[in-house]
């Protein structure tokens, strides 16, 4: 019997940060879909498989993570997908519809904690 594929959507505009997080996720056994901003993520969510979790930077070009989270929560097919918000802004805790928050940079252990917390 085939192994269950755990897909995560990673939304991050910084190439170095994106590669580092993708590597951590892949080592943890996730299949990672990449979006550089909320608009690209929204496009992927519209026609791709439903992820087990979304990790999104809150500040990306074209469509912010805040806007992406709001759209996901208003879409019945996606509303229950757990969201982990990420930001380098120390004081930024404005994540009303996210189940977890990671302050960048974060460790592998912090990422694993957030993924476990949301049930991914």
N, C-alpha and C. Protein backbone atom coordinates (compact mmCIF):
# COMPACT_ATOMS: atom_id res chain seq x y z
N UNK A 1 0.85 -1.18 0.00
CA UNK A 1 0.00 0.00 0.00
C UNK A 1 0.89 1.24 0.00
N UNK A 2 0.52 2.28 -0.76
CA UNK A 2 1.32 3.50 -0.89
C UNK A 2 1.32 4.33 0.38
N UNK A 3 2.36 5.11 0.52
CA UNK A 3 2.50 5.98 1.68
C UNK A 3 1.66 7.24 1.47
N UNK A 4 1.04 7.72 2.53
CA UNK A 4 0.24 8.94 2.47
C UNK A 4 1.16 10.13 2.23
N UNK A 5 0.82 10.95 1.23
CA UNK A 5 1.61 12.15 0.93
C UNK A 5 1.07 13.30 1.77
N UNK A 6 1.96 13.89 2.56
CA UNK A 6 1.59 15.04 3.38
C UNK A 6 2.11 16.28 2.66
N UNK A 7 1.18 17.04 2.07
CA UNK A 7 1.55 18.23 1.31
C UNK A 7 1.42 19.47 2.17
N UNK A 8 2.44 20.32 2.08
CA UNK A 8 2.43 21.60 2.77
C UNK A 8 2.65 22.69 1.72
N UNK A 9 1.91 23.77 1.83
CA UNK A 9 2.13 24.92 0.97
C UNK A 9 2.97 25.93 1.74
N UNK A 10 4.13 26.27 1.19
CA UNK A 10 5.03 27.24 1.80
C UNK A 10 4.98 28.53 1.00
N UNK A 11 4.63 29.63 1.66
CA UNK A 11 4.53 30.94 1.02
C UNK A 11 5.60 31.84 1.62
N UNK A 12 6.64 32.10 0.82
CA UNK A 12 7.79 32.88 1.30
C UNK A 12 8.46 33.56 0.12
N UNK A 13 8.67 34.87 0.22
CA UNK A 13 9.26 35.62 -0.90
C UNK A 13 10.79 35.67 -0.85
N UNK A 14 11.39 35.45 0.31
CA UNK A 14 12.84 35.50 0.42
C UNK A 14 13.43 34.15 -0.02
N UNK A 15 14.24 34.14 -1.09
CA UNK A 15 14.75 32.86 -1.61
C UNK A 15 15.56 32.05 -0.60
N UNK A 16 16.42 32.69 0.18
CA UNK A 16 17.21 31.97 1.15
C UNK A 16 16.37 31.35 2.25
N UNK A 17 15.43 32.12 2.77
CA UNK A 17 14.53 31.63 3.81
C UNK A 17 13.64 30.51 3.25
N UNK A 18 13.15 30.70 2.03
CA UNK A 18 12.29 29.70 1.38
C UNK A 18 13.03 28.37 1.24
N UNK A 19 14.28 28.40 0.78
CA UNK A 19 15.06 27.17 0.61
C UNK A 19 15.33 26.49 1.94
N UNK A 20 15.65 27.29 2.97
CA UNK A 20 15.93 26.72 4.29
C UNK A 20 14.68 26.03 4.87
N UNK A 21 13.53 26.69 4.77
CA UNK A 21 12.30 26.11 5.31
C UNK A 21 11.90 24.88 4.51
N UNK A 22 12.02 24.96 3.19
CA UNK A 22 11.68 23.80 2.34
C UNK A 22 12.53 22.59 2.74
N UNK A 23 13.83 22.81 2.95
CA UNK A 23 14.70 21.72 3.34
C UNK A 23 14.25 21.10 4.66
N UNK A 24 13.92 21.93 5.65
CA UNK A 24 13.44 21.42 6.93
C UNK A 24 12.16 20.60 6.76
N UNK A 25 11.24 21.11 5.95
CA UNK A 25 9.98 20.40 5.73
C UNK A 25 10.19 19.07 5.01
N UNK A 26 11.04 19.08 4.00
CA UNK A 26 11.30 17.84 3.25
C UNK A 26 11.97 16.80 4.15
N UNK A 27 12.88 17.23 5.00
CA UNK A 27 13.53 16.30 5.94
C UNK A 27 12.53 15.73 6.94
N UNK A 28 11.47 16.48 7.20
CA UNK A 28 10.43 16.01 8.12
C UNK A 28 9.40 15.14 7.39
N UNK A 29 9.61 14.90 6.09
CA UNK A 29 8.74 13.99 5.35
C UNK A 29 7.60 14.63 4.59
N UNK A 30 7.61 15.96 4.45
CA UNK A 30 6.53 16.63 3.73
C UNK A 30 6.88 16.83 2.26
N UNK A 31 5.87 16.80 1.42
CA UNK A 31 5.99 17.23 0.03
C UNK A 31 5.66 18.72 0.07
N UNK A 32 6.54 19.56 -0.49
CA UNK A 32 6.39 21.00 -0.34
C UNK A 32 6.05 21.66 -1.67
N UNK A 33 4.94 22.38 -1.69
CA UNK A 33 4.59 23.24 -2.82
C UNK A 33 5.05 24.65 -2.43
N UNK A 34 5.61 25.37 -3.39
CA UNK A 34 6.20 26.67 -3.13
C UNK A 34 5.40 27.77 -3.82
N UNK A 35 5.18 28.86 -3.09
CA UNK A 35 4.60 30.08 -3.66
C UNK A 35 5.43 31.25 -3.15
N UNK A 36 5.72 32.20 -4.03
CA UNK A 36 6.53 33.36 -3.65
C UNK A 36 5.72 34.45 -2.97
N UNK A 37 4.40 34.40 -3.11
CA UNK A 37 3.54 35.41 -2.48
C UNK A 37 2.13 34.86 -2.37
N UNK A 38 1.26 35.63 -1.73
CA UNK A 38 -0.11 35.18 -1.53
C UNK A 38 -0.88 34.95 -2.81
N UNK A 39 -0.62 35.76 -3.84
CA UNK A 39 -1.33 35.59 -5.11
C UNK A 39 -0.98 34.25 -5.75
N UNK A 40 0.30 33.93 -5.76
CA UNK A 40 0.73 32.64 -6.32
C UNK A 40 0.18 31.48 -5.49
N UNK A 41 0.16 31.63 -4.18
CA UNK A 41 -0.40 30.61 -3.30
C UNK A 41 -1.88 30.40 -3.59
N UNK A 42 -2.61 31.49 -3.75
CA UNK A 42 -4.05 31.41 -4.01
C UNK A 42 -4.30 30.66 -5.32
N UNK A 43 -3.48 30.92 -6.32
CA UNK A 43 -3.59 30.22 -7.59
C UNK A 43 -3.35 28.72 -7.40
N UNK A 44 -2.32 28.35 -6.66
CA UNK A 44 -2.03 26.93 -6.40
C UNK A 44 -3.18 26.26 -5.63
N UNK A 45 -3.71 26.97 -4.65
CA UNK A 45 -4.80 26.41 -3.86
C UNK A 45 -6.06 26.21 -4.70
N UNK A 46 -6.21 27.01 -5.74
CA UNK A 46 -7.39 26.92 -6.59
C UNK A 46 -7.44 25.69 -7.47
N UNK A 47 -6.28 25.17 -7.84
CA UNK A 47 -6.29 24.02 -8.75
C UNK A 47 -5.40 22.86 -8.31
N UNK A 48 -4.71 23.02 -7.20
CA UNK A 48 -3.84 21.95 -6.73
C UNK A 48 -4.50 21.13 -5.64
N UNK A 49 -3.81 20.10 -5.16
CA UNK A 49 -4.36 19.31 -4.06
C UNK A 49 -4.40 20.13 -2.77
N UNK A 50 -5.32 19.78 -1.91
CA UNK A 50 -5.49 20.48 -0.63
C UNK A 50 -4.33 20.10 0.28
N UNK A 51 -3.60 21.10 0.79
CA UNK A 51 -2.47 20.79 1.67
C UNK A 51 -2.93 20.43 3.08
N UNK A 52 -2.03 19.76 3.83
CA UNK A 52 -2.34 19.46 5.24
C UNK A 52 -2.09 20.68 6.11
N UNK A 53 -1.31 21.65 5.57
CA UNK A 53 -1.05 22.90 6.29
C UNK A 53 -0.50 23.93 5.32
N UNK A 54 -0.67 25.20 5.69
CA UNK A 54 -0.10 26.32 4.94
C UNK A 54 0.83 27.06 5.89
N UNK A 55 2.07 27.28 5.45
CA UNK A 55 3.01 28.12 6.19
C UNK A 55 3.16 29.38 5.38
N UNK A 56 2.76 30.51 5.91
CA UNK A 56 2.83 31.73 5.13
C UNK A 56 3.51 32.88 5.85
N UNK A 57 4.41 33.52 5.13
CA UNK A 57 4.99 34.77 5.59
C UNK A 57 3.84 35.78 5.56
N UNK A 58 3.79 36.66 6.53
CA UNK A 58 2.71 37.64 6.58
C UNK A 58 2.91 38.81 5.63
N UNK A 59 4.16 39.05 5.22
CA UNK A 59 4.44 40.20 4.36
C UNK A 59 5.11 39.76 3.08
N UNK A 60 4.29 39.56 2.05
CA UNK A 60 4.78 39.18 0.72
C UNK A 60 4.19 40.15 -0.31
N UNK A 61 4.85 40.27 -1.46
CA UNK A 61 4.33 41.18 -2.50
C UNK A 61 3.02 40.65 -3.11
N UNK A 62 2.37 41.49 -3.85
CA UNK A 62 1.12 41.23 -4.57
C UNK A 62 -0.06 40.92 -3.66
N UNK A 63 0.04 39.89 -2.83
CA UNK A 63 -1.01 39.59 -1.84
C UNK A 63 -0.31 39.18 -0.56
N UNK A 64 -0.60 39.86 0.53
CA UNK A 64 0.06 39.56 1.80
C UNK A 64 -0.46 38.24 2.39
N UNK A 65 0.28 37.74 3.35
CA UNK A 65 -0.17 36.56 4.07
C UNK A 65 -1.47 36.81 4.81
N UNK A 66 -1.63 38.04 5.31
CA UNK A 66 -2.89 38.40 5.99
C UNK A 66 -4.07 38.22 5.03
N UNK A 67 -3.93 38.72 3.80
CA UNK A 67 -5.00 38.61 2.81
C UNK A 67 -5.24 37.17 2.39
N UNK A 68 -4.15 36.41 2.25
CA UNK A 68 -4.28 35.00 1.89
C UNK A 68 -5.05 34.25 2.97
N UNK A 69 -4.69 34.45 4.22
CA UNK A 69 -5.38 33.78 5.33
C UNK A 69 -6.87 34.12 5.30
N UNK A 70 -7.21 35.37 5.09
CA UNK A 70 -8.63 35.78 5.04
C UNK A 70 -9.36 35.06 3.92
N UNK A 71 -8.74 34.97 2.75
CA UNK A 71 -9.38 34.27 1.62
C UNK A 71 -9.55 32.79 1.90
N UNK A 72 -8.53 32.17 2.45
CA UNK A 72 -8.61 30.73 2.77
C UNK A 72 -9.74 30.49 3.75
N UNK A 73 -9.86 31.31 4.77
CA UNK A 73 -10.89 31.11 5.79
C UNK A 73 -12.30 31.33 5.24
N UNK A 74 -12.44 32.10 4.16
CA UNK A 74 -13.76 32.34 3.55
C UNK A 74 -14.12 31.29 2.50
N UNK A 75 -13.22 30.37 2.20
CA UNK A 75 -13.44 29.38 1.14
C UNK A 75 -13.76 28.03 1.77
N UNK A 76 -14.99 27.54 1.62
CA UNK A 76 -15.40 26.31 2.30
C UNK A 76 -14.44 25.13 2.10
N UNK A 77 -13.93 24.91 0.92
CA UNK A 77 -13.05 23.77 0.65
C UNK A 77 -11.73 23.87 1.40
N UNK A 78 -11.32 25.09 1.76
CA UNK A 78 -10.01 25.32 2.37
C UNK A 78 -10.08 25.80 3.82
N UNK A 79 -11.25 26.19 4.27
CA UNK A 79 -11.39 26.88 5.57
C UNK A 79 -10.79 26.11 6.74
N UNK A 80 -10.76 24.79 6.68
CA UNK A 80 -10.25 24.01 7.81
C UNK A 80 -8.76 23.68 7.69
N UNK A 81 -8.09 24.15 6.64
CA UNK A 81 -6.66 23.89 6.50
C UNK A 81 -5.91 24.70 7.56
N UNK A 82 -5.10 24.03 8.38
CA UNK A 82 -4.36 24.77 9.41
C UNK A 82 -3.33 25.72 8.79
N UNK A 83 -3.18 26.87 9.41
CA UNK A 83 -2.25 27.89 8.91
C UNK A 83 -1.24 28.24 10.00
N UNK A 84 0.02 28.25 9.59
CA UNK A 84 1.10 28.72 10.45
C UNK A 84 1.60 30.02 9.85
N UNK A 85 1.43 31.11 10.56
CA UNK A 85 1.89 32.42 10.09
C UNK A 85 3.35 32.60 10.52
N UNK A 86 4.11 33.27 9.65
CA UNK A 86 5.52 33.52 9.93
C UNK A 86 5.82 34.99 9.68
N UNK A 87 6.68 35.56 10.52
CA UNK A 87 7.09 36.94 10.31
C UNK A 87 8.42 37.19 11.00
N UNK A 88 9.20 38.07 10.40
CA UNK A 88 10.44 38.50 11.03
C UNK A 88 10.21 39.69 11.94
N UNK A 89 9.01 40.25 11.90
CA UNK A 89 8.68 41.41 12.73
C UNK A 89 8.38 40.94 14.15
N UNK A 90 9.27 41.28 15.07
CA UNK A 90 9.18 40.81 16.45
C UNK A 90 7.83 41.11 17.11
N UNK A 91 7.32 42.27 16.88
CA UNK A 91 6.09 42.67 17.56
C UNK A 91 4.83 42.20 16.83
N UNK A 92 4.99 41.60 15.66
CA UNK A 92 3.82 41.24 14.86
C UNK A 92 3.17 39.97 15.38
N UNK A 93 2.05 40.12 16.00
CA UNK A 93 1.27 38.97 16.46
C UNK A 93 -0.14 39.02 15.86
N UNK A 94 -0.30 39.77 14.79
CA UNK A 94 -1.62 39.94 14.18
C UNK A 94 -1.92 38.76 13.27
N UNK A 95 -2.37 37.68 13.86
CA UNK A 95 -2.65 36.45 13.14
C UNK A 95 -4.01 35.89 13.55
N UNK A 96 -5.07 36.62 13.40
CA UNK A 96 -6.35 36.23 13.97
C UNK A 96 -6.88 34.87 13.51
N UNK A 97 -6.53 34.43 12.32
CA UNK A 97 -7.08 33.16 11.84
C UNK A 97 -6.01 32.08 11.67
N UNK A 98 -4.83 32.28 12.22
CA UNK A 98 -3.76 31.28 12.13
C UNK A 98 -3.70 30.48 13.42
N UNK A 99 -3.44 29.19 13.29
CA UNK A 99 -3.38 28.33 14.47
C UNK A 99 -2.04 28.41 15.20
N UNK A 100 -1.00 28.87 14.50
CA UNK A 100 0.32 28.98 15.12
C UNK A 100 1.08 30.13 14.49
N UNK A 101 2.09 30.61 15.21
CA UNK A 101 2.91 31.72 14.73
C UNK A 101 4.38 31.39 14.98
N UNK A 102 5.22 31.62 13.97
CA UNK A 102 6.66 31.45 14.10
C UNK A 102 7.35 32.77 13.81
N UNK A 103 8.22 33.17 14.72
CA UNK A 103 9.01 34.37 14.49
C UNK A 103 10.30 33.95 13.78
N UNK A 104 10.56 34.57 12.61
CA UNK A 104 11.75 34.23 11.84
C UNK A 104 12.95 35.00 12.37
N UNK A 105 14.12 34.39 12.38
CA UNK A 105 14.37 32.99 12.01
C UNK A 105 13.95 32.06 13.15
N UNK A 106 13.60 30.83 12.79
CA UNK A 106 13.19 29.85 13.80
C UNK A 106 13.98 28.56 13.59
N UNK A 107 13.98 27.73 14.61
CA UNK A 107 14.73 26.47 14.58
C UNK A 107 13.88 25.34 14.02
N UNK A 108 14.55 24.24 13.72
CA UNK A 108 13.86 23.03 13.27
C UNK A 108 12.87 22.58 14.34
N UNK A 109 13.27 22.66 15.60
CA UNK A 109 12.39 22.24 16.70
C UNK A 109 11.14 23.12 16.79
N UNK A 110 11.30 24.42 16.58
CA UNK A 110 10.14 25.32 16.61
C UNK A 110 9.19 25.02 15.46
N UNK A 111 9.75 24.73 14.27
CA UNK A 111 8.92 24.39 13.12
C UNK A 111 8.17 23.08 13.39
N UNK A 112 8.88 22.10 13.92
CA UNK A 112 8.22 20.80 14.22
C UNK A 112 7.13 20.98 15.27
N UNK A 113 7.37 21.84 16.27
CA UNK A 113 6.35 22.12 17.28
C UNK A 113 5.09 22.71 16.63
N UNK A 114 5.29 23.69 15.74
CA UNK A 114 4.15 24.33 15.09
C UNK A 114 3.38 23.33 14.22
N UNK A 115 4.09 22.50 13.50
CA UNK A 115 3.43 21.50 12.65
C UNK A 115 2.65 20.50 13.50
N UNK A 116 3.23 20.08 14.61
CA UNK A 116 2.52 19.15 15.51
C UNK A 116 1.31 19.83 16.12
N UNK A 117 1.45 21.09 16.46
CA UNK A 117 0.35 21.84 17.09
C UNK A 117 -0.87 21.92 16.17
N UNK A 118 -0.61 22.06 14.86
CA UNK A 118 -1.74 22.17 13.91
C UNK A 118 -2.18 20.82 13.37
N UNK A 119 -1.49 19.76 13.79
CA UNK A 119 -1.88 18.42 13.37
C UNK A 119 -1.44 18.02 11.97
N UNK A 120 -0.39 18.65 11.47
CA UNK A 120 0.10 18.33 10.12
C UNK A 120 1.02 17.13 10.15
